[in-house]
Amino acid sequence: MSNKLKNWLLGATLVGATAMSAGGWAMGHRGGMEHDPGRMLSQLSQKLDLSSEQQTELENLLTESNQANTPDRERLKALRLEMSGQRDDFDAGTAQGVADEIGQITSRMVYRASETFARVYQLLNAEQRVELDAMMAKRDTRRRKWHRDGE
């Protein structure tokens, strides 16, 4: 099989998978557990042996991030309902506008999550960073296994 055909098939597969994922997400993604800054603070404090100063700074960061995302989470709920309503009377223009807004909101939220994680990482000492990296690697391994087993 030629490289051009292989690349085209791979691209088509990725676009299809992305579209199906985004469509399913927009129609009723629940995302597992709601974001809980208190739970995250508790786990990180315990597992990384954070100082009281680090705990205070981490709590402030997580609260700030959660508050910044609250309006976007609420808007996403409304957009999901609007997209769900398209099942009976689909309007391509409206659906595309909703999908575009979902993309913009998702982009903002992903950026905020990345920024918050970087700021949290900067609060940690070298030993805590190593421990956090190990925790994240373990979490990624569990997620890959869960996704693989769920297929």
C-alpha atoms as a PDB file:
ATOM      1  CA  MET A   1       0.000   0.000   0.000  1.00  0.00           C
ATOM      2  CA  SER A   2       1.416   3.421  -0.898  1.00  0.00           C
ATOM      3  CA  ASN A   3       2.457   5.906   1.770  1.00  0.00           C
ATOM      4  CA  LYS A   4       0.008   8.458   0.396  1.00  0.00           C
ATOM      5  CA  LEU A   5      -2.900   6.047   0.806  1.00  0.00           C
ATOM      6  CA  LYS A   6      -1.736   5.007   4.275  1.00  0.00           C
ATOM      7  CA  ASN A   7      -1.509   8.649   5.361  1.00  0.00           C
ATOM      8  CA  TRP A   8      -4.929   9.399   3.912  1.00  0.00           C
ATOM      9  CA  LEU A   9      -6.517   6.424   5.690  1.00  0.00           C
ATOM     10  CA  LEU A  10      -4.835   7.324   8.974  1.00  0.00           C
ATOM     11  CA  GLY A  11      -6.013  10.928   8.646  1.00  0.00           C
ATOM     12  CA  ALA A  12      -9.559   9.876   7.805  1.00  0.00           C
ATOM     13  CA  THR A  13      -9.622   7.507  10.766  1.00  0.00           C
ATOM     14  CA  LEU A  14      -8.373  10.192  13.149  1.00  0.00           C
ATOM     15  CA  VAL A  15     -10.866  12.756  11.861  1.00  0.00           C
ATOM     16  CA  GLY A  16     -13.702  10.261  12.170  1.00  0.00           C
ATOM     17  CA  ALA A  17     -12.718   9.244  15.684  1.00  0.00           C
ATOM     18  CA  THR A  18     -12.376  12.871  16.727  1.00  0.00           C
ATOM     19  CA  ALA A  19     -15.758  13.776  15.257  1.00  0.00           C
ATOM     20  CA  MET A  20     -17.460  10.836  16.964  1.00  0.00           C
ATOM     21  CA  SER A  21     -15.807  11.668  20.289  1.00  0.00           C
ATOM     22  CA  ALA A  22     -16.712  15.340  20.071  1.00  0.00           C
ATOM     23  CA  GLY A  23     -20.259  14.516  19.041  1.00  0.00           C
ATOM     24  CA  GLY A  24     -20.724  12.084  21.897  1.00  0.00           C
ATOM     25  CA  TRP A  25     -19.196  14.524  24.321  1.00  0.00           C
ATOM     26  CA  ALA A  26     -21.402  17.379  23.167  1.00  0.00           C
ATOM     27  CA  MET A  27     -24.513  15.225  23.382  1.00  0.00           C
ATOM     28  CA  GLY A  28     -24.060  14.299  26.996  1.00  0.00           C
ATOM     29  CA  HIS A  29     -20.527  14.045  28.270  1.00  0.00           C
ATOM     30  CA  ARG A  30     -20.559  13.741  32.004  1.00  0.00           C
ATOM     31  CA  GLY A  31     -16.784  13.571  32.424  1.00  0.00           C
ATOM     32  CA  GLY A  32     -16.797  11.287  35.412  1.00  0.00           C
ATOM     33  CA  MET A  33     -16.497  13.126  38.676  1.00  0.00           C
ATOM     34  CA  GLU A  34     -17.003  16.845  38.964  1.00  0.00           C
ATOM     35  CA  HIS A  35     -13.895  18.880  39.623  1.00  0.00           C
ATOM     36  CA  ASP A  36     -13.369  19.032  43.383  1.00  0.00           C
ATOM     37  CA  PRO A  37     -10.514  21.328  44.465  1.00  0.00           C
ATOM     38  CA  GLY A  38     -10.859  20.235  48.104  1.00  0.00           C
ATOM     39  CA  ARG A  39     -10.403  16.587  47.208  1.00  0.00           C
ATOM     40  CA  MET A  40      -7.416  17.383  45.021  1.00  0.00           C
ATOM     41  CA  LEU A  41      -5.852  19.509  47.760  1.00  0.00           C
ATOM     42  CA  SER A  42      -6.347  16.762  50.308  1.00  0.00           C
ATOM     43  CA  GLN A  43      -4.779  14.091  48.099  1.00  0.00           C
ATOM     44  CA  LEU A  44      -1.814  16.198  47.075  1.00  0.00           C
ATOM     45  CA  SER A  45      -1.217  17.392  50.635  1.00  0.00           C
ATOM     46  CA  GLN A  46      -1.191  13.846  51.920  1.00  0.00           C
ATOM     47  CA  LYS A  47       0.787  12.180  49.137  1.00  0.00           C
ATOM     48  CA  LEU A  48       3.349  14.954  48.641  1.00  0.00           C
ATOM     49  CA  ASP A  49       3.718  15.963  52.286  1.00  0.00           C
ATOM     50  CA  LEU A  50       3.044  19.629  51.520  1.00  0.00           C
ATOM     51  CA  SER A  51       4.007  22.328  53.999  1.00  0.00           C
ATOM     52  CA  SER A  52       1.229  24.522  55.378  1.00  0.00           C
ATOM     53  CA  GLU A  53       2.445  27.369  53.134  1.00  0.00           C
ATOM     54  CA  GLN A  54       2.303  25.101  50.069  1.00  0.00           C
ATOM     55  CA  GLN A  55      -1.171  23.923  51.077  1.00  0.00           C
ATOM     56  CA  THR A  56      -2.408  27.512  51.344  1.00  0.00           C
ATOM     57  CA  GLU A  57      -0.923  28.479  47.973  1.00  0.00           C
ATOM     58  CA  LEU A  58      -2.270  25.309  46.360  1.00  0.00           C
ATOM     59  CA  GLU A  59      -5.725  25.908  47.802  1.00  0.00           C
ATOM     60  CA  ASN A  60      -5.684  29.456  46.404  1.00  0.00           C
ATOM     61  CA  LEU A  61      -4.609  28.224  42.952  1.00  0.00           C
ATOM     62  CA  LEU A  62      -7.228  25.482  42.825  1.00  0.00           C
ATOM     63  CA  THR A  63      -9.994  27.778  44.059  1.00  0.00           C
ATOM     64  CA  GLU A  64      -9.010  30.449  41.536  1.00  0.00           C
ATOM     65  CA  SER A  65      -8.997  27.896  38.717  1.00  0.00           C
ATOM     66  CA  ASN A  66     -12.324  26.415  39.763  1.00  0.00           C
ATOM     67  CA  GLN A  67     -13.963  29.844  39.959  1.00  0.00           C
ATOM     68  CA  ALA A  68     -12.560  30.832  36.560  1.00  0.00           C
ATOM     69  CA  ASN A  69     -13.986  27.649  35.007  1.00  0.00           C
ATOM     70  CA  THR A  70     -17.424  27.796  36.640  1.00  0.00           C
ATOM     71  CA  PRO A  71     -19.047  30.060  34.003  1.00  0.00           C
ATOM     72  CA  ASP A  72     -17.583  27.929  31.219  1.00  0.00           C
ATOM     73  CA  ARG A  73     -18.848  24.698  32.799  1.00  0.00           C
ATOM     74  CA  GLU A  74     -22.329  26.213  33.109  1.00  0.00           C
ATOM     75  CA  ARG A  75     -22.252  27.404  29.499  1.00  0.00           C
ATOM     76  CA  LEU A  76     -21.149  23.952  28.344  1.00  0.00           C
ATOM     77  CA  LYS A  77     -24.159  22.422  30.090  1.00  0.00           C
ATOM     78  CA  ALA A  78     -26.461  24.813  28.224  1.00  0.00           C
ATOM     79  CA  LEU A  79     -24.716  24.128  24.919  1.00  0.00           C
ATOM     80  CA  ARG A  80     -24.996  20.367  25.419  1.00  0.00           C
ATOM     81  CA  LEU A  81     -28.723  20.745  25.944  1.00  0.00           C
ATOM     82  CA  GLU A  82     -28.984  22.906  22.848  1.00  0.00           C
ATOM     83  CA  MET A  83     -27.014  20.376  20.804  1.00  0.00           C
ATOM     84  CA  SER A  84     -29.132  17.546  22.182  1.00  0.00           C
ATOM     85  CA  GLY A  85     -32.245  19.412  21.040  1.00  0.00           C
ATOM     86  CA  GLN A  86     -30.913  19.206  17.483  1.00  0.00           C
ATOM     87  CA  ARG A  87     -31.914  15.541  17.294  1.00  0.00           C
ATOM     88  CA  ASP A  88     -35.494  16.347  16.357  1.00  0.00           C
ATOM     89  CA  ASP A  89     -34.890  19.371  14.145  1.00  0.00           C
ATOM     90  CA  PHE A  90     -31.286  19.530  12.991  1.00  0.00           C
ATOM     91  CA  ASP A  91     -30.078  22.887  11.739  1.00  0.00           C
ATOM     92  CA  ALA A  92     -26.535  22.726  10.397  1.00  0.00           C
ATOM     93  CA  GLY A  93     -25.801  26.412  10.978  1.00  0.00           C
ATOM     94  CA  THR A  94     -26.979  26.353  14.578  1.00  0.00           C
ATOM     95  CA  ALA A  95     -25.190  23.073  15.280  1.00  0.00           C
ATOM     96  CA  GLN A  96     -21.952  24.412  13.795  1.00  0.00           C
ATOM     97  CA  GLY A  97     -22.208  27.584  15.893  1.00  0.00           C
ATOM     98  CA  VAL A  98     -22.765  25.536  19.043  1.00  0.00           C
ATOM     99  CA  ALA A  99     -19.894  23.208  18.146  1.00  0.00           C
ATOM    100  CA  ASP A 100     -17.602  26.186  17.530  1.00  0.00           C
ATOM    101  CA  GLU A 101     -18.485  27.699  20.900  1.00  0.00           C
ATOM    102  CA  ILE A 102     -17.908  24.353  22.611  1.00  0.00           C
ATOM    103  CA  GLY A 103     -14.476  24.267  20.980  1.00  0.00           C
ATOM    104  CA  GLN A 104     -13.629  27.768  22.191  1.00  0.00           C
ATOM    105  CA  ILE A 105     -14.729  27.007  25.738  1.00  0.00           C
ATOM    106  CA  THR A 106     -12.901  23.686  25.765  1.00  0.00           C
ATOM    107  CA  SER A 107      -9.765  25.418  24.528  1.00  0.00           C
ATOM    108  CA  ARG A 108      -9.948  27.960  27.359  1.00  0.00           C
ATOM    109  CA  MET A 109     -10.491  25.242  29.947  1.00  0.00           C
ATOM    110  CA  VAL A 110      -7.609  23.106  28.660  1.00  0.00           C
ATOM    111  CA  TYR A 111      -5.348  26.153  28.722  1.00  0.00           C
ATOM    112  CA  ARG A 112      -6.396  27.005  32.295  1.00  0.00           C
ATOM    113  CA  ALA A 113      -5.822  23.418  33.418  1.00  0.00           C
ATOM    114  CA  SER A 114      -2.355  23.423  31.889  1.00  0.00           C
ATOM    115  CA  GLU A 115      -1.533  26.804  33.401  1.00  0.00           C
ATOM    116  CA  THR A 116      -2.784  25.734  36.833  1.00  0.00           C
ATOM    117  CA  PHE A 117      -0.802  22.493  36.703  1.00  0.00           C
ATOM    118  CA  ALA A 118       2.356  24.421  35.786  1.00  0.00           C
ATOM    119  CA  ARG A 119       1.785  26.838  38.667  1.00  0.00           C
ATOM    120  CA  VAL A 120       1.194  23.935  41.075  1.00  0.00           C
ATOM    121  CA  TYR A 121       4.369  22.253  39.832  1.00  0.00           C
ATOM    122  CA  GLN A 122       6.337  25.427  40.569  1.00  0.00           C
ATOM    123  CA  LEU A 123       5.162  25.318  44.204  1.00  0.00           C
ATOM    124  CA  LEU A 124       6.812  21.949  44.743  1.00  0.00           C
ATOM    125  CA  ASN A 125      10.367  21.149  45.716  1.00  0.00           C
ATOM    126  CA  ALA A 126      12.467  18.719  43.655  1.00  0.00           C
ATOM    127  CA  GLU A 127      11.486  15.655  45.719  1.00  0.00           C
ATOM    128  CA  GLN A 128       7.780  16.498  45.524  1.00  0.00           C
ATOM    129  CA  ARG A 129       8.032  16.999  41.759  1.00  0.00           C
ATOM    130  CA  VAL A 130       9.537  13.530  41.357  1.00  0.00           C
ATOM    131  CA  GLU A 131       6.694  12.074  43.440  1.00  0.00           C
ATOM    132  CA  LEU A 132       4.050  13.992  41.476  1.00  0.00           C
ATOM    133  CA  ASP A 133       5.585  12.828  38.178  1.00  0.00           C
ATOM    134  CA  ALA A 134       5.391   9.238  39.434  1.00  0.00           C
ATOM    135  CA  MET A 135       1.751   9.721  40.489  1.00  0.00           C
ATOM    136  CA  MET A 136       0.874  11.148  37.061  1.00  0.00           C
ATOM    137  CA  ALA A 137       2.636   8.291  35.257  1.00  0.00           C
ATOM    138  CA  LYS A 138       0.723   5.764  37.364  1.00  0.00           C
ATOM    139  CA  ARG A 139      -2.557   7.574  36.620  1.00  0.00           C
ATOM    140  CA  ASP A 140      -1.801   7.584  32.885  1.00  0.00           C
ATOM    141  CA  THR A 141      -1.086   3.843  32.995  1.00  0.00           C
ATOM    142  CA  ARG A 142      -4.432   3.192  34.718  1.00  0.00           C
ATOM    143  CA  ARG A 143      -6.253   5.369  32.195  1.00  0.00           C
ATOM    144  CA  ARG A 144      -4.667   3.602  29.225  1.00  0.00           C
ATOM    145  CA  LYS A 145      -5.625   0.237  30.695  1.00  0.00           C
ATOM    146  CA  TRP A 146      -9.176   1.410  31.369  1.00  0.00           C
ATOM    147  CA  HIS A 147      -9.562   2.727  27.837  1.00  0.00           C
ATOM    148  CA  ARG A 148      -8.045  -0.418  26.346  1.00  0.00           C
ATOM    149  CA  ASP A 149     -10.275  -2.697  28.438  1.00  0.00           C
ATOM    150  CA  GLY A 150     -13.354  -0.617  27.661  1.00  0.00           C
ATOM    151  CA  GLU A 151     -13.032  -1.104  23.893  1.00  0.00           C
END
